[in-house]
Amino acid sequence: MQRKCEICQIEHATIITKVSGYDGSEKQIKVRIVRDHNHETGYIRGALCDNCNISLGMYEFRARQKEEGKKVKKLKKKYRDWRVEYQSAIDVYLAKPSSNILYVDYWKINEDNKQGCRGI
């Protein structure tokens, strides 16, 4: 598996400082690269950092809700900013073909691995 996020290009295990929105405190976190999959087909698409994986999931979930005619709340600023900052990388990532490995099959194949399908 790749050791770099395909959208933001951050490397696995990079230490970043995150600021809490509640009290302004800072904490150090280690970036994890996870396997992203298409929720409609079930196939693995690629490797993303946790932040890009969650942000992309929020974006796609909201798009599906809009298609179904459901009322959608305004997206939080951090997700809107992410979308704007990485627009071209997101478009390239979503345009590439998925792998031929189903996410569930990958999970079953690697169930002995203590990190499951999330870690490297």
PDB file of N, CA and C in Angstrom:
ATOM      1  N   MET A   1       0.837  -1.185   0.000  1.00  0.00           N
ATOM      2  CA  MET A   1       0.000   0.000   0.000  1.00  0.00           C
ATOM      3  C   MET A   1       0.878   1.244   0.000  1.00  0.00           C
ATOM      4  N   GLN A   2       0.367   2.283  -0.640  1.00  0.00           N
ATOM      5  CA  GLN A   2       1.095   3.535  -0.656  1.00  0.00           C
ATOM      6  C   GLN A   2       1.280   4.071   0.750  1.00  0.00           C
ATOM      7  N   ARG A   3       2.336   4.810   0.937  1.00  0.00           N
ATOM      8  CA  ARG A   3       2.613   5.393   2.242  1.00  0.00           C
ATOM      9  C   ARG A   3       2.408   6.901   2.209  1.00  0.00           C
ATOM     10  N   LYS A   4       1.622   7.378   1.222  1.00  0.00           N
ATOM     11  CA  LYS A   4       1.362   8.794   1.065  1.00  0.00           C
ATOM     12  C   LYS A   4      -0.097   8.977   0.649  1.00  0.00           C
ATOM     13  N   CYS A   5      -0.752  10.002   1.181  1.00  0.00           N
ATOM     14  CA  CYS A   5      -2.142  10.284   0.815  1.00  0.00           C
ATOM     15  C   CYS A   5      -2.204  10.719  -0.646  1.00  0.00           C
ATOM     16  N   GLU A   6      -3.139  10.152  -1.397  1.00  0.00           N
ATOM     17  CA  GLU A   6      -3.248  10.464  -2.819  1.00  0.00           C
ATOM     18  C   GLU A   6      -3.877  11.827  -3.080  1.00  0.00           C
ATOM     19  N   ILE A   7      -4.440  12.465  -2.062  1.00  0.00           N
ATOM     20  CA  ILE A   7      -5.029  13.788  -2.253  1.00  0.00           C
ATOM     21  C   ILE A   7      -4.112  14.891  -1.724  1.00  0.00           C
ATOM     22  N   CYS A   8      -3.768  14.852  -0.445  1.00  0.00           N
ATOM     23  CA  CYS A   8      -2.970  15.946   0.134  1.00  0.00           C
ATOM     24  C   CYS A   8      -1.470  15.667   0.123  1.00  0.00           C
ATOM     25  N   GLN A   9      -1.075  14.457  -0.231  1.00  0.00           N
ATOM     26  CA  GLN A   9       0.327  14.042  -0.350  1.00  0.00           C
ATOM     27  C   GLN A   9       1.094  13.970   0.975  1.00  0.00           C
ATOM     28  N   ILE A  10       0.396  14.006   2.112  1.00  0.00           N
ATOM     29  CA  ILE A  10       1.078  13.877   3.397  1.00  0.00           C
ATOM     30  C   ILE A  10       1.520  12.426   3.572  1.00  0.00           C
ATOM     31  N   GLU A  11       2.680  12.231   4.184  1.00  0.00           N
ATOM     32  CA  GLU A  11       3.223  10.880   4.336  1.00  0.00           C
ATOM     33  C   GLU A  11       2.736  10.218   5.618  1.00  0.00           C
ATOM     34  N   HIS A  12       2.667   8.894   5.581  1.00  0.00           N
ATOM     35  CA  HIS A  12       2.283   8.092   6.742  1.00  0.00           C
ATOM     36  C   HIS A  12       3.214   8.390   7.912  1.00  0.00           C
ATOM     37  N   ALA A  13       2.673   8.463   9.102  1.00  0.00           N
ATOM     38  CA  ALA A  13       3.397   8.655  10.361  1.00  0.00           C
ATOM     39  C   ALA A  13       3.987  10.054  10.536  1.00  0.00           C
ATOM     40  N   THR A  14       3.610  10.986   9.679  1.00  0.00           N
ATOM     41  CA  THR A  14       4.027  12.376   9.871  1.00  0.00           C
ATOM     42  C   THR A  14       3.356  12.894  11.135  1.00  0.00           C
ATOM     43  N   ILE A  15       4.086  13.624  11.940  1.00  0.00           N
ATOM     44  CA  ILE A  15       3.515  14.210  13.155  1.00  0.00           C
ATOM     45  C   ILE A  15       3.035  15.613  12.826  1.00  0.00           C
ATOM     46  N   ILE A  16       1.768  15.879  13.096  1.00  0.00           N
ATOM     47  CA  ILE A  16       1.234  17.223  12.869  1.00  0.00           C
ATOM     48  C   ILE A  16       0.639  17.757  14.164  1.00  0.00           C
ATOM     49  N   THR A  17       0.535  19.087  14.247  1.00  0.00           N
ATOM     50  CA  THR A  17      -0.061  19.725  15.416  1.00  0.00           C
ATOM     51  C   THR A  17      -1.493  20.098  15.071  1.00  0.00           C
ATOM     52  N   LYS A  18      -2.419  19.677  15.918  1.00  0.00           N
ATOM     53  CA  LYS A  18      -3.829  19.964  15.711  1.00  0.00           C
ATOM     54  C   LYS A  18      -4.298  20.864  16.848  1.00  0.00           C
ATOM     55  N   VAL A  19      -5.049  21.908  16.512  1.00  0.00           N
ATOM     56  CA  VAL A  19      -5.559  22.835  17.520  1.00  0.00           C
ATOM     57  C   VAL A  19      -7.016  22.518  17.780  1.00  0.00           C
ATOM     58  N   SER A  20      -7.372  22.382  19.058  1.00  0.00           N
ATOM     59  CA  SER A  20      -8.749  22.098  19.445  1.00  0.00           C
ATOM     60  C   SER A  20      -9.607  23.339  19.226  1.00  0.00           C
ATOM     61  N   GLY A  21     -10.794  23.144  18.688  1.00  0.00           N
ATOM     62  CA  GLY A  21     -11.713  24.260  18.472  1.00  0.00           C
ATOM     63  C   GLY A  21     -12.378  24.739  19.749  1.00  0.00           C
ATOM     64  N   TYR A  22     -12.327  23.921  20.787  1.00  0.00           N
ATOM     65  CA  TYR A  22     -13.006  24.274  22.032  1.00  0.00           C
ATOM     66  C   TYR A  22     -12.180  25.189  22.916  1.00  0.00           C
ATOM     67  N   ASP A  23     -10.969  24.784  23.218  1.00  0.00           N
ATOM     68  CA  ASP A  23     -10.169  25.572  24.150  1.00  0.00           C
ATOM     69  C   ASP A  23      -8.872  26.098  23.548  1.00  0.00           C
ATOM     70  N   GLY A  24      -8.630  25.846  22.286  1.00  0.00           N
ATOM     71  CA  GLY A  24      -7.432  26.349  21.632  1.00  0.00           C
ATOM     72  C   GLY A  24      -6.164  25.595  21.981  1.00  0.00           C
ATOM     73  N   SER A  25      -6.293  24.479  22.704  1.00  0.00           N
ATOM     74  CA  SER A  25      -5.109  23.703  23.068  1.00  0.00           C
ATOM     75  C   SER A  25      -4.582  22.950  21.846  1.00  0.00           C
ATOM     76  N   GLU A  26      -3.292  22.668  21.869  1.00  0.00           N
ATOM     77  CA  GLU A  26      -2.668  21.954  20.759  1.00  0.00           C
ATOM     78  C   GLU A  26      -2.319  20.536  21.172  1.00  0.00           C
ATOM     79  N   LYS A  27      -2.391  19.630  20.218  1.00  0.00           N
ATOM     80  CA  LYS A  27      -1.943  18.261  20.488  1.00  0.00           C
ATOM     81  C   LYS A  27      -1.248  17.723  19.251  1.00  0.00           C
ATOM     82  N   GLN A  28      -0.313  16.838  19.472  1.00  0.00           N
ATOM     83  CA  GLN A  28       0.445  16.214  18.388  1.00  0.00           C
ATOM     84  C   GLN A  28      -0.260  14.920  17.988  1.00  0.00           C
ATOM     85  N   ILE A  29      -0.489  14.737  16.702  1.00  0.00           N
ATOM     86  CA  ILE A  29      -1.080  13.488  16.245  1.00  0.00           C
ATOM     87  C   ILE A  29      -0.234  12.913  15.103  1.00  0.00           C
ATOM     88  N   LYS A  30      -0.292  11.604  14.972  1.00  0.00           N
ATOM     89  CA  LYS A  30       0.428  10.914  13.903  1.00  0.00           C
ATOM     90  C   LYS A  30      -0.561  10.612  12.780  1.00  0.00           C
ATOM     91  N   VAL A  31      -0.187  10.984  11.571  1.00  0.00           N
ATOM     92  CA  VAL A  31      -1.038  10.763  10.403  1.00  0.00           C
ATOM     93  C   VAL A  31      -1.063   9.279  10.064  1.00  0.00           C
ATOM     94  N   ARG A  32      -2.271   8.754   9.816  1.00  0.00           N
ATOM     95  CA  ARG A  32      -2.423   7.369   9.369  1.00  0.00           C
ATOM     96  C   ARG A  32      -2.922   7.363   7.935  1.00  0.00           C
ATOM     97  N   ILE A  33      -2.409   6.446   7.160  1.00  0.00           N
ATOM     98  CA  ILE A  33      -2.896   6.247   5.797  1.00  0.00           C
ATOM     99  C   ILE A  33      -3.842   5.045   5.837  1.00  0.00           C
ATOM    100  N   VAL A  34      -5.040   5.227   5.279  1.00  0.00           N
ATOM    101  CA  VAL A  34      -6.061   4.177   5.310  1.00  0.00           C
ATOM    102  C   VAL A  34      -6.493   3.834   3.891  1.00  0.00           C
ATOM    103  N   ARG A  35      -7.163   2.718   3.737  1.00  0.00           N
ATOM    104  CA  ARG A  35      -7.682   2.312   2.429  1.00  0.00           C
ATOM    105  C   ARG A  35      -9.076   2.896   2.241  1.00  0.00           C
ATOM    106  N   ASP A  36      -9.217   3.679   1.202  1.00  0.00           N
ATOM    107  CA  ASP A  36     -10.511   4.288   0.891  1.00  0.00           C
ATOM    108  C   ASP A  36     -11.249   3.384  -0.085  1.00  0.00           C
ATOM    109  N   HIS A  37     -12.570   3.277   0.086  1.00  0.00           N
ATOM    110  CA  HIS A  37     -13.340   2.466  -0.862  1.00  0.00           C
ATOM    111  C   HIS A  37     -14.593   3.208  -1.300  1.00  0.00           C
ATOM    112  N   ASN A  38     -15.075   2.830  -2.468  1.00  0.00           N
ATOM    113  CA  ASN A  38     -16.284   3.400  -3.036  1.00  0.00           C
ATOM    114  C   ASN A  38     -17.480   2.723  -2.364  1.00  0.00           C
ATOM    115  N   HIS A  39     -18.340   3.502  -1.737  1.00  0.00           N
ATOM    116  CA  HIS A  39     -19.463   2.921  -1.007  1.00  0.00           C
ATOM    117  C   HIS A  39     -20.540   2.352  -1.930  1.00  0.00           C
ATOM    118  N   GLU A  40     -20.564   2.787  -3.178  1.00  0.00           N
ATOM    119  CA  GLU A  40     -21.558   2.258  -4.109  1.00  0.00           C
ATOM    120  C   GLU A  40     -21.125   0.913  -4.688  1.00  0.00           C
ATOM    121  N   THR A  41     -19.839   0.791  -5.054  1.00  0.00           N
ATOM    122  CA  THR A  41     -19.366  -0.450  -5.677  1.00  0.00           C
ATOM    123  C   THR A  41     -18.708  -1.393  -4.680  1.00  0.00           C
ATOM    124  N   GLY A  42     -18.156  -0.825  -3.599  1.00  0.00           N
ATOM    125  CA  GLY A  42     -17.460  -1.644  -2.610  1.00  0.00           C
ATOM    126  C   GLY A  42     -15.986  -1.870  -2.917  1.00  0.00           C
ATOM    127  N   TYR A  43     -15.508  -1.357  -4.055  1.00  0.00           N
ATOM    128  CA  TYR A  43     -14.115  -1.566  -4.434  1.00  0.00           C
ATOM    129  C   TYR A  43     -13.187  -0.523  -3.807  1.00  0.00           C
ATOM    130  N   ILE A  44     -11.979  -0.963  -3.465  1.00  0.00           N
ATOM    131  CA  ILE A  44     -10.974  -0.063  -2.903  1.00  0.00           C
ATOM    132  C   ILE A  44     -10.524   0.903  -3.995  1.00  0.00           C
ATOM    133  N   ARG A  45     -10.475   2.207  -3.633  1.00  0.00           N
ATOM    134  CA  ARG A  45     -10.053   3.227  -4.594  1.00  0.00           C
ATOM    135  C   ARG A  45      -8.589   3.598  -4.432  1.00  0.00           C
ATOM    136  N   GLY A  46      -8.101   3.619  -3.197  1.00  0.00           N
ATOM    137  CA  GLY A  46      -6.718   4.031  -3.008  1.00  0.00           C
ATOM    138  C   GLY A  46      -6.387   4.289  -1.556  1.00  0.00           C
ATOM    139  N   ALA A  47      -5.285   5.014  -1.351  1.00  0.00           N
ATOM    140  CA  ALA A  47      -4.776   5.300  -0.016  1.00  0.00           C
ATOM    141  C   ALA A  47      -4.973   6.784   0.308  1.00  0.00           C
ATOM    142  N   LEU A  48      -5.625   7.051   1.434  1.00  0.00           N
ATOM    143  CA  LEU A  48      -5.845   8.423   1.878  1.00  0.00           C
ATOM    144  C   LEU A  48      -5.478   8.557   3.348  1.00  0.00           C
ATOM    145  N   CYS A  49      -5.127   9.776   3.760  1.00  0.00           N
ATOM    146  CA  CYS A  49      -4.937  10.017   5.191  1.00  0.00           C
ATOM    147  C   CYS A  49      -6.327  10.057   5.831  1.00  0.00           C
ATOM    148  N   ASP A  50      -6.379   9.891   7.139  1.00  0.00           N
ATOM    149  CA  ASP A  50      -7.672   9.911   7.839  1.00  0.00           C
ATOM    150  C   ASP A  50      -8.482  11.162   7.513  1.00  0.00           C
ATOM    151  N   ASN A  51      -7.814  12.312   7.515  1.00  0.00           N
ATOM    152  CA  ASN A  51      -8.520  13.574   7.289  1.00  0.00           C
ATOM    153  C   ASN A  51      -9.156  13.628   5.902  1.00  0.00           C
ATOM    154  N   CYS A  52      -8.416  13.266   4.867  1.00  0.00           N
ATOM    155  CA  CYS A  52      -8.969  13.284   3.512  1.00  0.00           C
ATOM    156  C   CYS A  52     -10.059  12.227   3.344  1.00  0.00           C
ATOM    157  N   ASN A  53      -9.884  11.067   3.974  1.00  0.00           N
ATOM    158  CA  ASN A  53     -10.881  10.005   3.890  1.00  0.00           C
ATOM    159  C   ASN A  53     -12.210  10.451   4.509  1.00  0.00           C
ATOM    160  N   ILE A  54     -12.138  11.063   5.683  1.00  0.00           N
ATOM    161  CA  ILE A  54     -13.355  11.542   6.355  1.00  0.00           C
ATOM    162  C   ILE A  54     -13.979  12.683   5.567  1.00  0.00           C
ATOM    163  N   SER A  55     -13.145  13.619   5.110  1.00  0.00           N
ATOM    164  CA  SER A  55     -13.651  14.772   4.362  1.00  0.00           C
ATOM    165  C   SER A  55     -14.315  14.341   3.055  1.00  0.00           C
ATOM    166  N   LEU A  56     -13.689  13.405   2.344  1.00  0.00           N
ATOM    167  CA  LEU A  56     -14.264  12.905   1.096  1.00  0.00           C
ATOM    168  C   LEU A  56     -15.580  12.181   1.374  1.00  0.00           C
ATOM    169  N   GLY A  57     -15.608  11.414   2.453  1.00  0.00           N
ATOM    170  CA  GLY A  57     -16.844  10.721   2.839  1.00  0.00           C
ATOM    171  C   GLY A  57     -17.976  11.698   3.138  1.00  0.00           C
ATOM    172  N   MET A  58     -17.653  12.788   3.849  1.00  0.00           N
ATOM    173  CA  MET A  58     -18.666  13.811   4.143  1.00  0.00           C
ATOM    174  C   MET A  58     -19.183  14.436   2.846  1.00  0.00           C
ATOM    175  N   TYR A  59     -18.265  14.746   1.951  1.00  0.00           N
ATOM    176  CA  TYR A  59     -18.628  15.357   0.676  1.00  0.00           C
ATOM    177  C   TYR A  59     -19.538  14.429  -0.138  1.00  0.00           C
ATOM    178  N   GLU A  60     -19.154  13.163  -0.252  1.00  0.00           N
ATOM    179  CA  GLU A  60     -19.948  12.212  -1.028  1.00  0.00           C
ATOM    180  C   GLU A  60     -21.304  11.935  -0.385  1.00  0.00           C
ATOM    181  N   PHE A  61     -21.340  11.845   0.954  1.00  0.00           N
ATOM    182  CA  PHE A  61     -22.588  11.599   1.664  1.00  0.00           C
ATOM    183  C   PHE A  61     -23.573  12.730   1.408  1.00  0.00           C
ATOM    184  N   ARG A  62     -23.076  13.958   1.487  1.00  0.00           N
ATOM    185  CA  ARG A  62     -23.936  15.124   1.252  1.00  0.00           C
ATOM    186  C   ARG A  62     -24.424  15.160  -0.197  1.00  0.00           C
ATOM    187  N   ALA A  63     -23.551  14.797  -1.128  1.00  0.00           N
ATOM    188  CA  ALA A  63     -23.943  14.783  -2.544  1.00  0.00           C
ATOM    189  C   ALA A  63     -25.069  13.769  -2.769  1.00  0.00           C
ATOM    190  N   ARG A  64     -24.958  12.585  -2.131  1.00  0.00           N
ATOM    191  CA  ARG A  64     -26.019  11.570  -2.257  1.00  0.00           C
ATOM    192  C   ARG A  64     -27.327  12.072  -1.654  1.00  0.00           C
ATOM    193  N   GLN A  65     -27.244  12.747  -0.515  1.00  0.00           N
ATOM    194  CA  GLN A  65     -28.457  13.275   0.118  1.00  0.00           C
ATOM    195  C   GLN A  65     -29.129  14.312  -0.774  1.00  0.00           C
ATOM    196  N   LYS A  66     -28.327  15.171  -1.390  1.00  0.00           N
ATOM    197  CA  LYS A  66     -28.885  16.183  -2.293  1.00  0.00           C
ATOM    198  C   LYS A  66     -29.579  15.522  -3.478  1.00  0.00           C
ATOM    199  N   GLU A  67     -28.944  14.467  -4.041  1.00  0.00           N
ATOM    200  CA  GLU A  67     -29.533  13.743  -5.172  1.00  0.00           C
ATOM    201  C   GLU A  67     -30.881  13.141  -4.798  1.00  0.00           C
ATOM    202  N   GLU A  68     -31.000  12.687  -3.549  1.00  0.00           N
ATOM    203  CA  GLU A  68     -32.245  12.083  -3.082  1.00  0.00           C
ATOM    204  C   GLU A  68     -33.275  13.127  -2.671  1.00  0.00           C
ATOM    205  N   GLY A  69     -32.919  14.413  -2.808  1.00  0.00           N
ATOM    206  CA  GLY A  69     -33.847  15.490  -2.494  1.00  0.00           C
ATOM    207  C   GLY A  69     -33.992  15.785  -1.009  1.00  0.00           C
ATOM    208  N   LYS A  70     -33.054  15.295  -0.204  1.00  0.00           N
ATOM    209  CA  LYS A  70     -33.120  15.548   1.230  1.00  0.00           C
ATOM    210  C   LYS A  70     -32.515  16.910   1.544  1.00  0.00           C
ATOM    211  N   LYS A  71     -33.001  17.515   2.629  1.00  0.00           N
ATOM    212  CA  LYS A  71     -32.456  18.789   3.059  1.00  0.00           C
ATOM    213  C   LYS A  71     -31.076  18.542   3.671  1.00  0.00           C
ATOM    214  N   VAL A  72     -30.101  19.347   3.258  1.00  0.00           N
ATOM    215  CA  VAL A  72     -28.729  19.156   3.713  1.00  0.00           C
ATOM    216  C   VAL A  72     -28.250  20.409   4.428  1.00  0.00           C
ATOM    217  N   LYS A  73     -27.701  20.206   5.639  1.00  0.00           N
ATOM    218  CA  LYS A  73     -27.148  21.336   6.391  1.00  0.00           C
ATOM    219  C   LYS A  73     -25.881  21.849   5.710  1.00  0.00           C
ATOM    220  N   LYS A  74     -25.571  23.108   5.972  1.00  0.00           N
ATOM    221  CA  LYS A  74     -24.350  23.695   5.430  1.00  0.00           C
ATOM    222  C   LYS A  74     -23.143  22.954   5.997  1.00  0.00           C
ATOM    223  N   LEU A  75     -22.201  22.642   5.119  1.00  0.00           N
ATOM    224  CA  LEU A  75     -21.002  21.915   5.506  1.00  0.00           C
ATOM    225  C   LEU A  75     -20.119  22.785   6.391  1.00  0.00           C
ATOM    226  N   LYS A  76     -19.501  22.172   7.394  1.00  0.00           N
ATOM    227  CA  LYS A  76     -18.598  22.904   8.280  1.00  0.00           C
ATOM    228  C   LYS A  76     -17.476  23.538   7.470  1.00  0.00           C
ATOM    229  N   LYS A  77     -16.976  24.659   7.954  1.00  0.00           N
ATOM    230  CA  LYS A  77     -15.945  25.416   7.251  1.00  0.00           C
ATOM    231  C   LYS A  77     -14.710  24.576   6.930  1.00  0.00           C
ATOM    232  N   LYS A  78     -14.277  23.730   7.867  1.00  0.00           N
ATOM    233  CA  LYS A  78     -13.060  22.947   7.609  1.00  0.00           C
ATOM    234  C   LYS A  78     -13.231  22.019   6.415  1.00  0.00           C
ATOM    235  N   TYR A  79     -14.446  21.495   6.202  1.00  0.00           N
ATOM    236  CA  TYR A  79     -14.679  20.621   5.058  1.00  0.00           C
ATOM    237  C   TYR A  79     -14.806  21.432   3.768  1.00  0.00           C
ATOM    238  N   ARG A  80     -15.401  22.613   3.841  1.00  0.00           N
ATOM    239  CA  ARG A  80     -15.484  23.484   2.656  1.00  0.00           C
ATOM    240  C   ARG A  80     -14.082  23.915   2.239  1.00  0.00           C
ATOM    241  N   ASP A  81     -13.252  24.295   3.217  1.00  0.00           N
ATOM    242  CA  ASP A  81     -11.879  24.717   2.924  1.00  0.00           C
ATOM    243  C   ASP A  81     -11.077  23.577   2.310  1.00  0.00           C
ATOM    244  N   TRP A  82     -11.256  22.358   2.841  1.00  0.00           N
ATOM    245  CA  TRP A  82     -10.559  21.192   2.318  1.00  0.00           C
ATOM    246  C   TRP A  82     -10.923  20.994   0.855  1.00  0.00           C
ATOM    247  N   ARG A  83     -12.201  21.074   0.534  1.00  0.00           N
ATOM    248  CA  ARG A  83     -12.682  20.865  -0.830  1.00  0.00           C
ATOM    249  C   ARG A  83     -12.072  21.894  -1.778  1.00  0.00           C
ATOM    250  N   VAL A  84     -12.021  23.150  -1.359  1.00  0.00           N
ATOM    251  CA  VAL A  84     -11.464  24.207  -2.194  1.00  0.00           C
ATOM    252  C   VAL A  84      -9.963  23.999  -2.391  1.00  0.00           C
ATOM    253  N   GLU A  85      -9.246  23.703  -1.309  1.00  0.00           N
ATOM    254  CA  GLU A  85      -7.798  23.562  -1.369  1.00  0.00           C
ATOM    255  C   GLU A  85      -7.358  22.408  -2.267  1.00  0.00           C
ATOM    256  N   TYR A  86      -8.065  21.309  -2.222  1.00  0.00           N
ATOM    257  CA  TYR A  86      -7.640  20.099  -2.946  1.00  0.00           C
ATOM    258  C   TYR A  86      -8.540  19.746  -4.125  1.00  0.00           C
ATOM    259  N   GLN A  87      -9.297  20.717  -4.645  1.00  0.00           N
ATOM    260  CA  GLN A  87     -10.271  20.464  -5.714  1.00  0.00           C
ATOM    261  C   GLN A  87      -9.691  19.650  -6.874  1.00  0.00           C
ATOM    262  N   SER A  88      -8.564  20.074  -7.424  1.00  0.00           N
ATOM    263  CA  SER A  88      -8.031  19.369  -8.598  1.00  0.00           C
ATOM    264  C   SER A  88      -7.541  17.962  -8.232  1.00  0.00           C
ATOM    265  N   ALA A  89      -6.910  17.809  -7.061  1.00  0.00           N
ATOM    266  CA  ALA A  89      -6.441  16.480  -6.642  1.00  0.00           C
ATOM    267  C   ALA A  89      -7.622  15.547  -6.384  1.00  0.00           C
ATOM    268  N   ILE A  90      -8.711  16.072  -5.847  1.00  0.00           N
ATOM    269  CA  ILE A  90      -9.911  15.266  -5.588  1.00  0.00           C
ATOM    270  C   ILE A  90     -10.508  14.794  -6.911  1.00  0.00           C
ATOM    271  N   ASP A  91     -10.600  15.698  -7.879  1.00  0.00           N
ATOM    272  CA  ASP A  91     -11.157  15.337  -9.189  1.00  0.00           C
ATOM    273  C   ASP A  91     -10.337  14.235  -9.852  1.00  0.00           C
ATOM    274  N   VAL A  92      -9.016  14.347  -9.787  1.00  0.00           N
ATOM    275  CA  VAL A  92      -8.132  13.318 -10.365  1.00  0.00           C
ATOM    276  C   VAL A  92      -8.324  11.997  -9.626  1.00  0.00           C
ATOM    277  N   TYR A  93      -8.369  12.052  -8.302  1.00  0.00           N
ATOM    278  CA  TYR A  93      -8.526  10.843  -7.485  1.00  0.00           C
ATOM    279  C   TYR A  93      -9.837  10.131  -7.809  1.00  0.00           C
ATOM    280  N   LEU A  94     -10.931  10.880  -7.900  1.00  0.00           N
ATOM    281  CA  LEU A  94     -12.237  10.267  -8.159  1.00  0.00           C
ATOM    282  C   LEU A  94     -12.381   9.786  -9.602  1.00  0.00           C
ATOM    283  N   ALA A  95     -11.607  10.344 -10.525  1.00  0.00           N
ATOM    284  CA  ALA A  95     -11.691   9.948 -11.935  1.00  0.00           C
ATOM    285  C   ALA A  95     -10.929   8.653 -12.222  1.00  0.00           C
ATOM    286  N   LYS A  96      -9.952   8.309 -11.364  1.00  0.00           N
ATOM    287  CA  LYS A  96      -9.169   7.101 -11.639  1.00  0.00           C
ATOM    288  C   LYS A  96     -10.008   5.855 -11.351  1.00  0.00           C
ATOM    289  N   PRO A  97      -9.736   4.785 -12.056  1.00  0.00           N
ATOM    290  CA  PRO A  97     -10.506   3.564 -11.821  1.00  0.00           C
ATOM    291  C   PRO A  97     -10.185   2.942 -10.458  1.00  0.00           C
ATOM    292  N   SER A  98     -11.181   2.310  -9.874  1.00  0.00           N
ATOM    293  CA  SER A  98     -10.982   1.607  -8.603  1.00  0.00           C
ATOM    294  C   SER A  98     -10.178   0.346  -8.844  1.00  0.00           C
ATOM    295  N   SER A  99      -9.667  -0.226  -7.764  1.00  0.00           N
ATOM    296  CA  SER A  99      -8.955  -1.501  -7.887  1.00  0.00           C
ATOM    297  C   SER A  99      -9.982  -2.600  -8.154  1.00  0.00           C
ATOM    298  N   ASN A 100      -9.512  -3.801  -8.332  1.00  0.00           N
ATOM    299  CA  ASN A 100     -10.434  -4.928  -8.520  1.00  0.00           C
ATOM    300  C   ASN A 100     -10.589  -5.706  -7.213  1.00  0.00           C
ATOM    301  N   ILE A 101     -10.236  -5.068  -6.091  1.00  0.00           N
ATOM    302  CA  ILE A 101     -10.342  -5.722  -4.791  1.00  0.00           C
ATOM    303  C   ILE A 101     -11.513  -5.123  -4.013  1.00  0.00           C
ATOM    304  N   LEU A 102     -12.438  -5.962  -3.619  1.00  0.00           N
ATOM    305  CA  LEU A 102     -13.561  -5.494  -2.805  1.00  0.00           C
ATOM    306  C   LEU A 102     -13.071  -5.222  -1.391  1.00  0.00           C
ATOM    307  N   TYR A 103     -13.552  -4.157  -0.797  1.00  0.00           N
ATOM    308  CA  TYR A 103     -13.163  -3.766   0.557  1.00  0.00           C
ATOM    309  C   TYR A 103     -13.433  -4.895   1.548  1.00  0.00           C
ATOM    310  N   VAL A 104     -14.601  -5.545   1.428  1.00  0.00           N
ATOM    311  CA  VAL A 104     -14.945  -6.633   2.349  1.00  0.00           C
ATOM    312  C   VAL A 104     -14.015  -7.817   2.175  1.00  0.00           C
ATOM    313  N   ASP A 105     -13.660  -8.126   0.942  1.00  0.00           N
ATOM    314  CA  ASP A 105     -12.721  -9.216   0.693  1.00  0.00           C
ATOM    315  C   ASP A 105     -11.366  -8.890   1.288  1.00  0.00           C
ATOM    316  N   TYR A 106     -10.930  -7.663   1.146  1.00  0.00           N
ATOM    317  CA  TYR A 106      -9.640  -7.265   1.714  1.00  0.00           C
ATOM    318  C   TYR A 106      -9.666  -7.453   3.224  1.00  0.00           C
ATOM    319  N   TRP A 107     -10.766  -7.066   3.838  1.00  0.00           N
ATOM    320  CA  TRP A 107     -10.910  -7.209   5.297  1.00  0.00           C
ATOM    321  C   TRP A 107     -10.819  -8.680   5.689  1.00  0.00           C
ATOM    322  N   LYS A 108     -11.519  -9.538   4.963  1.00  0.00           N
ATOM    323  CA  LYS A 108     -11.509 -10.979   5.270  1.00  0.00           C
ATOM    324  C   LYS A 108     -10.122 -11.571   5.074  1.00  0.00           C
ATOM    325  N   ILE A 109      -9.443 -11.196   3.998  1.00  0.00           N
ATOM    326  CA  ILE A 109      -8.114 -11.718   3.704  1.00  0.00           C
ATOM    327  C   ILE A 109      -7.140 -11.356   4.817  1.00  0.00           C
ATOM    328  N   ASN A 110      -7.289 -10.146   5.367  1.00  0.00           N
ATOM    329  CA  ASN A 110      -6.340  -9.637   6.348  1.00  0.00           C
ATOM    330  C   ASN A 110      -6.871  -9.659   7.780  1.00  0.00           C
ATOM    331  N   GLU A 111      -7.837 -10.521   8.083  1.00  0.00           N
ATOM    332  CA  GLU A 111      -8.422 -10.502   9.425  1.00  0.00           C
ATOM    333  C   GLU A 111      -7.442 -10.941  10.510  1.00  0.00           C
ATOM    334  N   ASP A 112      -6.376 -11.635  10.135  1.00  0.00           N
ATOM    335  CA  ASP A 112      -5.368 -12.010  11.121  1.00  0.00           C
ATOM    336  C   ASP A 112      -4.457 -10.841  11.484  1.00  0.00           C
ATOM    337  N   ASN A 113      -4.413  -9.858  10.605  1.00  0.00           N
ATOM    338  CA  ASN A 113      -3.596  -8.677  10.851  1.00  0.00           C
ATOM    339  C   ASN A 113      -4.277  -7.853  11.949  1.00  0.00           C
ATOM    340  N   LYS A 114      -3.605  -7.600  13.041  1.00  0.00           N
ATOM    341  CA  LYS A 114      -4.217  -6.907  14.177  1.00  0.00           C
ATOM    342  C   LYS A 114      -4.697  -5.501  13.827  1.00  0.00           C
ATOM    343  N   GLN A 115      -4.094  -4.873  12.819  1.00  0.00           N
ATOM    344  CA  GLN A 115      -4.512  -3.537  12.428  1.00  0.00           C
ATOM    345  C   GLN A 115      -5.684  -3.580  11.454  1.00  0.00           C
ATOM    346  N   GLY A 116      -6.116  -4.743  11.080  1.00  0.00           N
ATOM    347  CA  GLY A 116      -7.218  -4.849  10.133  1.00  0.00           C
ATOM    348  C   GLY A 116      -6.858  -4.204   8.820  1.00  0.00           C
ATOM    349  N   CYS A 117      -7.809  -3.568   8.189  1.00  0.00           N
ATOM    350  CA  CYS A 117      -7.528  -2.978   6.880  1.00  0.00           C
ATOM    351  C   CYS A 117      -7.228  -1.494   7.008  1.00  0.00           C
ATOM    352  N   ARG A 118      -7.148  -0.952   8.204  1.00  0.00           N
ATOM    353  CA  ARG A 118      -6.920   0.485   8.356  1.00  0.00           C
ATOM    354  C   ARG A 118      -5.432   0.836   8.351  1.00  0.00           C
ATOM    355  N   GLY A 119      -4.639   0.077   9.049  1.00  0.00           N
ATOM    356  CA  GLY A 119      -3.229   0.433   9.155  1.00  0.00           C
ATOM    357  C   GLY A 119      -2.405  -0.086   7.992  1.00  0.00           C
ATOM    358  N   ILE A 120      -1.152   0.273   8.000  1.00  0.00           N
ATOM    359  CA  ILE A 120      -0.267  -0.182   6.928  1.00  0.00           C
ATOM    360  C   ILE A 120       0.397  -1.478   7.334  1.00  0.00           C
TER     361      ILE A 120
END
